[in-house]
Protein backbone atom coordinates (compact mmCIF):
# COMPACT_ATOMS: atom_id res chain seq x y z
CA MET A 1 3.18 1.29 -4.82
CA ASP A 2 6.02 0.95 -7.29
CA LEU A 3 7.17 -2.59 -6.48
CA ASP A 4 10.43 -2.25 -8.42
CA MET A 5 11.57 0.95 -6.68
CA SER A 6 10.21 0.25 -3.17
CA THR A 7 11.96 -1.81 -0.48
CA PHE A 8 9.69 -4.06 1.57
CA THR A 9 9.30 -7.32 3.48
CA LEU A 10 6.24 -9.47 2.87
CA ASP A 11 4.55 -10.85 5.96
CA THR A 12 5.16 -14.60 6.06
CA ASN A 13 2.55 -15.07 8.79
CA PRO A 14 -0.24 -12.62 7.88
CA LYS A 15 -2.71 -11.77 10.61
CA ILE A 16 -5.41 -11.17 8.00
CA ASP A 17 -7.48 -14.09 6.71
CA ALA A 18 -6.13 -14.81 3.21
CA SER A 19 -9.63 -15.67 1.99
CA ILE A 20 -10.68 -12.04 2.52
CA SER A 21 -8.11 -10.64 0.11
CA ASN A 22 -5.47 -12.02 -2.19
CA ALA A 23 -3.42 -8.81 -1.94
CA PRO A 24 0.04 -9.20 -0.42
CA VAL A 25 0.44 -8.31 3.26
CA TYR A 26 3.50 -6.24 4.11
CA GLU A 27 5.34 -6.73 7.38
CA ARG A 28 7.44 -3.65 6.70
CA ILE A 29 7.99 -1.13 3.92
CA GLU A 30 11.36 0.56 4.41
CA LYS A 31 11.21 2.63 1.24
CA LEU A 32 7.83 3.46 -0.26
CA VAL A 33 7.81 4.79 -3.80
CA VAL A 34 4.41 5.89 -5.07
CA LEU A 35 3.53 5.11 -8.68
CA LYS A 36 3.71 8.16 -10.96
CA ASN A 37 0.50 7.49 -12.91
CA ILE A 38 -2.01 8.04 -10.08
CA LYS A 39 -4.76 10.38 -11.26
CA SER A 40 -6.81 10.69 -8.06
CA ASP A 41 -6.22 13.40 -5.45
CA LEU A 42 -7.68 11.24 -2.67
CA PHE A 43 -7.57 7.43 -2.56
CA TYR A 44 -7.16 4.35 -0.38
CA PHE A 45 -3.54 3.17 -0.46
CA GLU A 46 -4.05 -0.58 -0.06
CA GLU A 47 -0.44 -1.46 0.77
CA ILE A 48 -0.36 0.78 3.88
CA HIS A 49 -4.08 0.59 4.71
CA GLU A 50 -4.50 4.38 4.75
CA VAL A 51 -6.40 7.05 2.87
CA VAL A 52 -3.83 9.30 1.20
CA CYS A 53 -3.98 12.48 -0.81
CA SER A 54 -2.00 14.44 -3.36
CA ASN A 55 -0.08 17.63 -2.62
CA GLU A 56 -2.78 19.48 -4.56
CA PHE A 57 -5.47 18.14 -2.21
CA LEU A 58 -3.41 19.17 0.84
CA ASP A 59 -2.79 22.65 -0.57
CA LYS A 60 -6.53 23.19 -1.24
CA TYR A 61 -7.41 21.86 2.22
CA ILE A 62 -5.08 24.39 3.85
CA GLU A 63 -6.16 27.19 1.49
CA GLN A 64 -9.82 26.61 2.41
CA GLY A 65 -9.00 26.70 6.13
CA LEU A 66 -10.54 23.28 6.74
CA ALA A 67 -9.97 21.31 9.93
CA GLY A 68 -10.41 17.78 11.21
CA LEU A 69 -7.82 15.83 9.23
CA SER A 70 -4.21 15.11 10.04
CA PHE A 71 -1.54 14.54 7.42
CA LYS A 72 1.72 12.61 7.34
CA LYS A 73 4.09 13.14 4.44
CA ILE A 74 5.07 10.11 2.38
CA ASP A 75 8.66 10.90 1.45
CA GLU A 76 12.09 9.26 1.60
CA ASN A 77 11.79 9.10 5.42
CA TYR A 78 8.38 7.41 5.46
CA GLU A 79 8.32 3.83 6.74
CA TYR A 80 5.39 1.45 7.12
CA ALA A 81 5.98 -0.84 10.11
CA PRO A 82 2.61 -1.68 11.69
CA TRP A 83 3.97 -4.20 14.19
CA ASP A 84 6.73 -2.00 15.65
CA ASP A 85 4.38 -0.71 18.37
CA PHE A 86 3.75 -4.19 19.77
């Protein structure tokens, strides 16, 4: 995640044991900007706790007629808000 271009709120009361990871915990990410230098077509996006893929991966997946995965576009409308459902 591009920290300078993204808009987010850090969780001040993380529900994850801090001894497990020293990575920041996000309460909300209103604007998620992906770093430009990512070389992998499929990777674990730590900030949103999801496996994500490139457009090239998605295009090949569709081209091959594969099934079993669902995709959600990370664009200007994407928002990470894991606690909104509670």
